[in-house]
Amino acid sequence: MTIIGITMGCPAGIGPEIILRSFAGKTFVADIQPVVLGDIHVLQKCGETLQLPAPCVEWTPGTPLPDASGGNCIPVVPLSSLASEDIEWGRPNKATGRAMAHYIEAGVKLAQQGVIDGIATCPISKSSLNDAGYHFPGHTEMLASLTKTSSFAMMMAGSRLRVTLVTIHCPLREVADRLTMQAVDRMIRITHKALTVDFGICDPQIAVAGLNPHGGENRLFGSEEEQIIGPAIMQAQKEHIGVSGPYPPDTVFFKAASGAFDAVVCMYHDQGLIPFKLLHFDDGVNITLGLPIVRTSVDHGTAYDIAGKGLASHRSLEEAIKLAAFISRNRAIEQVRNT
């Protein structure tokens, strides 16, 4: 049995709704046991508001788990007790910020202790997180700090396309200055390890996107391909990593989505996320690579504009839970191989 902890995310966002919908959908396979790290009162309020079943059962880690695979009950580790009247859908505050931080901290601790096999996180509000005194740009950086991880990366994964990013949250005008051979090389290696271990792919093939139109067109439109990206690819190839490129950004994603590559290493945020969300807007999964624990996440935000309205899709959360269990099993297999 693989136990995946679902952190509830911002109590005022769509996290509670997509959790209830996931359990109500009864889509979890028999060998995945999901548990919620969150707030029973908020889940019950959400259930009453949207007329969704919310059969929450308090669970103490270390005690036997009730069977939640059929959606008949929702095991919850109660980490906050927010008053219903203090929760206004779509309006986060310091209390919700502190609560969602506690869910993340508890998820990391339980995963490190081996009580759960991984975490699938619901969306948080970065501004509320900071207002509550947790000064991180987002989930990923907080998880890296809690696990004392210095080298980490974000992968967006779907059935047709996987992408990783050399630069993430920075102004577009700064991307070229932040690109280095070392940064590209690091991302190739992290991507290769994730595909090999987490996804269990033998001899994965990685494509690397160029930065400039037409891949620079022999320096006519830029030199980063020849001076930075190409040398990083050649270095990885010397160590027998299946990587090629740099490919023109306007064609590489079509090739990858058609099955030619297992992942694409992208130079900046929107270069990778625009094609990814075009294909996987509802069912994409965000994975944090490099952590000593398994962490997947929905690929969307708190959606405050639709919170409490019954309009949220739970497909991304379902896929995140399934993928967290899949990665956890693959890591266990790899650990056995190495012993």
Protein backbone atom coordinates (compact mmCIF):
# COMPACT_ATOMS: atom_id res chain seq x y z
CA MET A 1 0.00 0.00 0.00
CA THR A 2 1.35 3.41 -1.02
CA ILE A 3 0.29 6.27 1.27
CA ILE A 4 0.20 9.73 -0.30
CA GLY A 5 -0.38 12.80 1.85
CA ILE A 6 -2.43 15.55 0.21
CA THR A 7 -1.60 18.97 1.63
CA MET A 8 -4.80 21.02 1.51
CA GLY A 9 -3.21 24.21 0.22
CA CYS A 10 -4.86 27.55 0.89
CA PRO A 11 -8.08 26.96 2.86
CA ALA A 12 -9.75 29.84 1.00
CA GLY A 13 -8.84 28.51 -2.45
CA ILE A 14 -10.01 25.54 -4.50
CA GLY A 15 -7.87 23.00 -2.61
CA PRO A 16 -10.71 21.78 -0.37
CA GLU A 17 -13.05 21.42 -3.36
CA ILE A 18 -10.68 19.42 -5.55
CA ILE A 19 -9.86 17.14 -2.61
CA LEU A 20 -13.54 16.38 -2.00
CA ARG A 21 -14.15 15.83 -5.70
CA SER A 22 -11.19 13.47 -5.94
CA PHE A 23 -12.48 11.30 -3.10
CA ALA A 24 -16.08 11.46 -4.36
CA GLY A 25 -14.91 10.35 -7.81
CA LYS A 26 -13.62 7.07 -6.33
CA THR A 27 -10.80 7.01 -8.88
CA PHE A 28 -7.96 5.95 -6.59
CA VAL A 29 -6.68 2.49 -7.37
CA ALA A 30 -6.78 -0.07 -4.59
CA ASP A 31 -3.08 0.13 -3.74
CA ILE A 32 -3.01 3.91 -3.22
CA GLN A 33 -4.13 5.23 0.17
CA PRO A 34 -4.58 9.01 0.12
CA VAL A 35 -4.73 11.01 3.35
CA VAL A 36 -5.38 14.73 3.76
CA LEU A 37 -3.13 17.03 5.75
CA GLY A 38 -5.42 19.93 6.48
CA ASP A 39 -8.54 21.11 8.28
CA ILE A 40 -11.66 19.01 8.83
CA HIS A 41 -13.86 22.06 9.48
CA VAL A 42 -12.88 23.69 6.18
CA LEU A 43 -13.48 20.49 4.24
CA GLN A 44 -16.89 20.08 5.85
CA LYS A 45 -17.78 23.71 5.13
CA CYS A 46 -16.77 23.20 1.51
CA GLY A 47 -18.90 20.07 1.36
CA GLU A 48 -21.92 21.92 2.73
CA THR A 49 -21.42 24.88 0.40
CA LEU A 50 -21.09 22.77 -2.74
CA GLN A 51 -23.26 19.83 -1.66
CA LEU A 52 -20.33 17.45 -1.92
CA PRO A 53 -19.86 14.47 0.38
CA ALA A 54 -17.28 15.20 3.09
CA PRO A 55 -17.08 12.06 5.27
CA CYS A 56 -13.93 13.18 7.09
CA VAL A 57 -12.36 10.89 9.67
CA GLU A 58 -9.57 12.14 11.94
CA TRP A 59 -6.42 10.07 11.53
CA THR A 60 -3.42 10.01 13.84
CA PRO A 61 -0.20 9.08 11.98
CA GLY A 62 1.10 5.76 13.17
CA THR A 63 -2.34 4.25 13.77
CA PRO A 64 -4.17 1.97 11.30
CA LEU A 65 -5.66 3.79 8.33
CA PRO A 66 -9.30 3.45 7.32
CA ASP A 67 -9.90 2.36 3.74
CA ALA A 68 -10.31 5.53 1.69
CA SER A 69 -9.85 3.97 -1.75
CA GLY A 70 -13.59 3.86 -2.44
CA GLY A 71 -14.25 7.40 -1.28
CA ASN A 72 -16.36 6.23 1.67
CA CYS A 73 -14.24 8.17 4.13
CA ILE A 74 -11.57 10.85 3.98
CA PRO A 75 -8.70 10.32 6.45
CA VAL A 76 -7.56 13.73 7.68
CA VAL A 77 -4.60 14.68 9.83
CA PRO A 78 -6.07 17.79 11.53
CA LEU A 79 -3.35 20.42 11.45
CA SER A 80 -5.51 23.51 11.87
CA SER A 81 -8.94 24.30 13.25
CA LEU A 82 -10.09 27.40 11.44
CA ALA A 83 -13.53 28.69 12.36
CA SER A 84 -15.99 28.41 9.48
CA GLU A 85 -16.96 32.05 9.81
CA ASP A 86 -13.30 33.05 9.39
CA ILE A 87 -13.05 31.38 5.98
CA GLU A 88 -14.32 33.43 3.06
CA TRP A 89 -13.83 31.73 -0.27
CA GLY A 90 -11.37 33.60 -2.44
CA ARG A 91 -10.10 35.81 0.40
CA PRO A 92 -6.92 34.51 2.04
CA ASN A 93 -5.56 36.02 5.24
CA LYS A 94 -2.72 35.52 7.69
CA ALA A 95 -4.53 32.65 9.40
CA THR A 96 -4.96 30.76 6.13
CA GLY A 97 -1.32 31.52 5.31
CA ARG A 98 -0.10 30.01 8.58
CA ALA A 99 -2.36 27.00 8.13
CA MET A 100 -1.17 26.13 4.63
CA ALA A 101 2.44 26.47 5.80
CA HIS A 102 1.73 23.99 8.63
CA TYR A 103 0.31 21.50 6.12
CA ILE A 104 3.52 21.65 4.08
CA GLU A 105 5.77 21.35 7.13
CA ALA A 106 3.83 18.33 8.39
CA GLY A 107 3.88 16.69 4.96
CA VAL A 108 7.65 16.96 4.74
CA LYS A 109 8.12 15.63 8.28
CA LEU A 110 5.82 12.65 7.72
CA ALA A 111 7.52 11.82 4.42
CA GLN A 112 10.98 12.05 6.00
CA GLN A 113 9.83 9.72 8.77
CA GLY A 114 8.48 7.24 6.25
CA VAL A 115 4.93 7.51 7.60
CA ILE A 116 3.75 8.53 4.14
CA ASP A 117 5.40 7.67 0.83
CA GLY A 118 5.09 11.09 -0.77
CA ILE A 119 3.09 14.30 -0.88
CA ALA A 120 0.77 15.77 -3.48
CA THR A 121 0.25 19.44 -2.82
CA CYS A 122 -2.78 21.60 -3.47
CA PRO A 123 -2.15 25.23 -4.50
CA ILE A 124 -1.06 27.94 -2.09
CA SER A 125 -1.01 31.72 -2.11
CA LYS A 126 2.58 32.96 -2.25
CA SER A 127 1.61 36.38 -0.89
CA SER A 128 -0.31 34.87 2.05
CA LEU A 129 2.61 32.57 2.76
CA ASN A 130 4.88 35.60 3.05
CA ASP A 131 2.31 37.58 5.07
CA ALA A 132 2.29 34.71 7.55
CA GLY A 133 6.06 35.03 8.03
CA TYR A 134 7.26 32.34 5.62
CA HIS A 135 9.50 34.21 3.24
CA PHE A 136 9.75 31.91 0.24
CA PRO A 137 8.90 32.60 -3.41
CA GLY A 138 6.68 29.53 -3.38
CA HIS A 139 6.14 25.87 -2.59
CA THR A 140 9.29 24.59 -4.27
CA GLU A 141 11.71 26.84 -2.42
CA MET A 142 10.02 26.13 0.92
CA LEU A 143 10.25 22.38 0.33
CA ALA A 144 13.91 22.70 -0.63
CA SER A 145 14.62 24.62 2.58
CA LEU A 146 12.75 22.13 4.77
CA THR A 147 14.64 19.20 3.23
CA LYS A 148 17.97 21.07 3.09
CA THR A 149 18.18 20.53 -0.67
CA SER A 150 20.46 22.82 -2.68
CA SER A 151 20.03 21.38 -6.18
CA PHE A 152 16.42 21.06 -7.25
CA ALA A 153 14.24 21.69 -10.28
CA MET A 154 10.68 21.80 -11.51
CA MET A 155 9.32 19.33 -14.05
CA MET A 156 5.89 19.59 -15.61
CA ALA A 157 4.71 16.14 -16.62
CA GLY A 158 1.82 14.81 -18.67
CA SER A 159 1.11 11.78 -20.80
CA ARG A 160 2.38 13.49 -23.98
CA LEU A 161 4.96 16.01 -22.80
CA ARG A 162 7.45 16.58 -19.99
CA VAL A 163 9.43 19.80 -19.62
CA THR A 164 12.08 21.11 -17.24
CA LEU A 165 13.29 24.70 -16.98
CA VAL A 166 16.79 26.14 -16.76
CA THR A 167 15.47 29.51 -15.53
CA ILE A 168 12.09 29.87 -13.88
CA HIS A 169 10.75 32.99 -12.16
CA CYS A 170 12.67 35.93 -13.54
CA PRO A 171 11.95 38.76 -16.00
CA LEU A 172 12.30 37.71 -19.62
CA ARG A 173 14.95 40.42 -20.17
CA GLU A 174 17.20 38.61 -17.64
CA VAL A 175 16.97 35.10 -19.12
CA ALA A 176 19.94 35.34 -21.50
CA ASP A 177 22.19 36.73 -18.75
CA ARG A 178 21.24 33.90 -16.39
CA LEU A 179 22.00 31.14 -18.89
CA THR A 180 25.33 29.45 -18.30
CA MET A 181 26.82 26.22 -19.53
CA GLN A 182 26.78 24.96 -15.94
CA ALA A 183 23.08 25.77 -15.51
CA VAL A 184 22.10 23.98 -18.71
CA ASP A 185 24.33 21.01 -17.87
CA ARG A 186 22.82 20.75 -14.39
CA MET A 187 19.29 20.70 -15.78
CA ILE A 188 20.16 18.01 -18.32
CA ARG A 189 21.55 15.81 -15.54
CA ILE A 190 18.62 16.37 -13.18
CA THR A 191 16.19 15.60 -16.00
CA HIS A 192 18.10 12.45 -16.98
CA LYS A 193 18.11 11.14 -13.41
CA ALA A 194 14.39 11.83 -12.97
CA LEU A 195 13.49 10.04 -16.19
CA THR A 196 15.70 7.07 -15.31
CA VAL A 197 14.78 6.67 -11.63
CA ASP A 198 11.42 8.36 -11.05
CA PHE A 199 9.86 7.33 -14.35
CA GLY A 200 11.75 4.07 -14.82
CA ILE A 201 12.70 4.85 -18.42
CA CYS A 202 15.65 2.90 -19.80
CA ASP A 203 17.96 5.08 -21.91
CA PRO A 204 15.75 8.21 -21.92
CA GLN A 205 16.07 10.67 -24.78
CA ILE A 206 16.19 14.36 -23.87
CA ALA A 207 15.79 17.27 -26.25
CA VAL A 208 17.21 20.68 -25.41
CA ALA A 209 15.46 23.74 -26.78
CA GLY A 210 17.40 26.69 -28.10
CA LEU A 211 16.84 30.19 -26.83
CA ASN A 212 16.57 32.18 -30.03
CA PRO A 213 14.33 31.97 -33.13
CA HIS A 214 15.46 29.15 -35.45
CA GLY A 215 18.03 28.14 -32.83
CA GLY A 216 20.04 31.30 -33.50
CA GLU A 217 20.40 30.69 -37.26
CA ASN A 218 24.20 30.47 -37.13
CA ARG A 219 24.45 33.46 -34.78
CA LEU A 220 22.24 35.63 -36.99
CA PHE A 221 19.64 35.83 -34.20
CA GLY A 222 21.85 35.13 -31.19
CA SER A 223 24.91 33.19 -30.04
CA GLU A 224 23.68 31.40 -26.91
CA GLU A 225 23.15 28.15 -28.81
CA GLU A 226 26.79 27.96 -29.92
CA GLN A 227 28.44 29.44 -26.85
CA ILE A 228 26.36 28.02 -23.97
CA ILE A 229 23.68 25.47 -24.83
CA GLY A 230 25.58 23.41 -27.41
CA PRO A 231 28.70 22.94 -25.25
CA ALA A 232 26.54 21.81 -22.31
CA ILE A 233 24.88 19.21 -24.52
CA MET A 234 28.22 17.93 -25.79
CA GLN A 235 29.54 17.61 -22.23
CA ALA A 236 26.53 15.48 -21.24
CA GLN A 237 26.89 13.37 -24.39
CA LYS A 238 30.47 12.54 -23.43
CA GLU A 239 29.07 10.91 -20.32
CA HIS A 240 26.63 8.82 -22.39
CA ILE A 241 23.50 10.79 -21.53
CA GLY A 242 20.92 10.56 -24.31
CA VAL A 243 20.56 14.25 -25.06
CA SER A 244 20.51 16.22 -28.31
CA GLY A 245 19.94 19.74 -29.60
CA PRO A 246 19.72 22.64 -29.35
CA TYR A 247 16.51 22.45 -31.38
CA PRO A 248 14.52 25.44 -32.66
CA PRO A 249 11.86 26.13 -30.02
CA ASP A 250 9.08 26.30 -32.62
CA THR A 251 9.48 22.63 -33.62
CA VAL A 252 10.93 20.71 -30.67
CA PHE A 253 7.70 20.46 -28.68
CA PHE A 254 5.79 18.97 -31.59
CA LYS A 255 8.49 16.31 -31.93
CA ALA A 256 8.46 15.58 -28.21
CA ALA A 257 4.66 15.36 -28.04
CA SER A 258 4.80 12.97 -30.99
CA GLY A 259 7.01 10.59 -29.01
CA ALA A 260 10.50 11.43 -30.29
CA PHE A 261 11.74 12.58 -26.86
CA ASP A 262 10.98 11.75 -23.23
CA ALA A 263 11.44 15.35 -22.05
CA VAL A 264 12.46 18.79 -23.23
CA VAL A 265 14.90 20.99 -21.32
CA CYS A 266 13.68 24.56 -21.80
CA MET A 267 15.53 27.81 -21.33
CA TYR A 268 12.81 29.81 -19.60
CA HIS A 269 9.41 29.53 -17.93
CA ASP A 270 6.93 30.30 -20.68
CA GLN A 271 8.96 28.53 -23.36
CA GLY A 272 8.10 25.27 -21.64
CA LEU A 273 4.80 26.01 -19.93
CA ILE A 274 2.91 27.42 -22.91
CA PRO A 275 3.14 24.23 -24.99
CA PHE A 276 2.74 22.08 -21.89
CA LYS A 277 -0.47 23.73 -20.75
CA LEU A 278 -1.81 23.71 -24.28
CA LEU A 279 -1.68 19.91 -24.09
CA HIS A 280 -2.17 19.32 -20.36
CA PHE A 281 -4.11 22.24 -18.93
CA ASP A 282 -6.44 20.00 -16.90
CA ASP A 283 -4.28 16.97 -16.16
CA GLY A 284 -0.71 18.22 -15.90
CA VAL A 285 1.43 17.57 -12.82
CA ASN A 286 4.20 19.66 -11.29
CA ILE A 287 7.06 17.59 -9.83
CA THR A 288 9.93 18.90 -7.70
CA LEU A 289 13.04 17.04 -8.79
CA GLY A 290 16.09 16.61 -6.56
CA LEU A 291 14.27 16.37 -3.21
CA PRO A 292 14.92 13.42 -0.90
CA ILE A 293 11.13 13.01 -0.63
CA VAL A 294 8.53 12.56 -3.36
CA ARG A 295 6.58 15.71 -4.11
CA THR A 296 4.06 16.26 -6.87
CA SER A 297 1.57 19.07 -7.22
CA VAL A 298 -1.33 20.32 -9.25
CA ASP A 299 -0.21 22.49 -12.15
CA HIS A 300 -2.60 25.35 -11.35
CA GLY A 301 -3.05 28.05 -8.75
CA THR A 302 -5.54 28.76 -5.98
CA ALA A 303 -8.14 30.03 -8.48
CA TYR A 304 -9.65 32.43 -5.97
CA ASP A 305 -12.03 33.73 -8.63
CA ILE A 306 -13.90 30.40 -8.70
CA ALA A 307 -13.31 29.22 -5.11
CA GLY A 308 -16.53 28.08 -3.46
CA LYS A 309 -18.45 28.11 -6.74
CA GLY A 310 -18.25 24.43 -7.62
CA LEU A 311 -16.37 25.05 -10.87
CA ALA A 312 -12.93 23.58 -10.08
CA SER A 313 -11.53 20.56 -11.90
CA HIS A 314 -9.88 17.86 -9.80
CA ARG A 315 -8.12 16.04 -12.67
CA SER A 316 -4.70 17.55 -11.99
CA LEU A 317 -4.87 16.53 -8.32
CA GLU A 318 -5.87 13.00 -9.23
CA GLU A 319 -2.94 12.73 -11.63
CA ALA A 320 -0.59 14.22 -9.02
CA ILE A 321 -1.61 11.58 -6.48
CA LYS A 322 -1.20 8.74 -8.97
CA LEU A 323 2.17 10.05 -10.15
CA ALA A 324 3.45 10.50 -6.58
CA ALA A 325 2.65 6.84 -5.91
CA PHE A 326 4.29 5.79 -9.20
CA ILE A 327 7.49 7.71 -8.41
CA SER A 328 7.58 6.40 -4.87
CA ARG A 329 7.46 2.81 -6.11
CA ASN A 330 10.14 3.43 -8.72
CA ARG A 331 12.44 4.98 -6.12
CA ALA A 332 11.92 1.96 -3.88
CA ILE A 333 12.89 -0.33 -6.77
CA GLU A 334 16.01 1.75 -7.43
CA GLN A 335 16.96 1.62 -3.77
CA VAL A 336 16.71 -2.17 -3.76
CA ARG A 337 18.89 -2.32 -6.89
CA ASN A 338 21.57 -0.24 -5.20
CA THR A 339 21.72 -2.35 -2.02
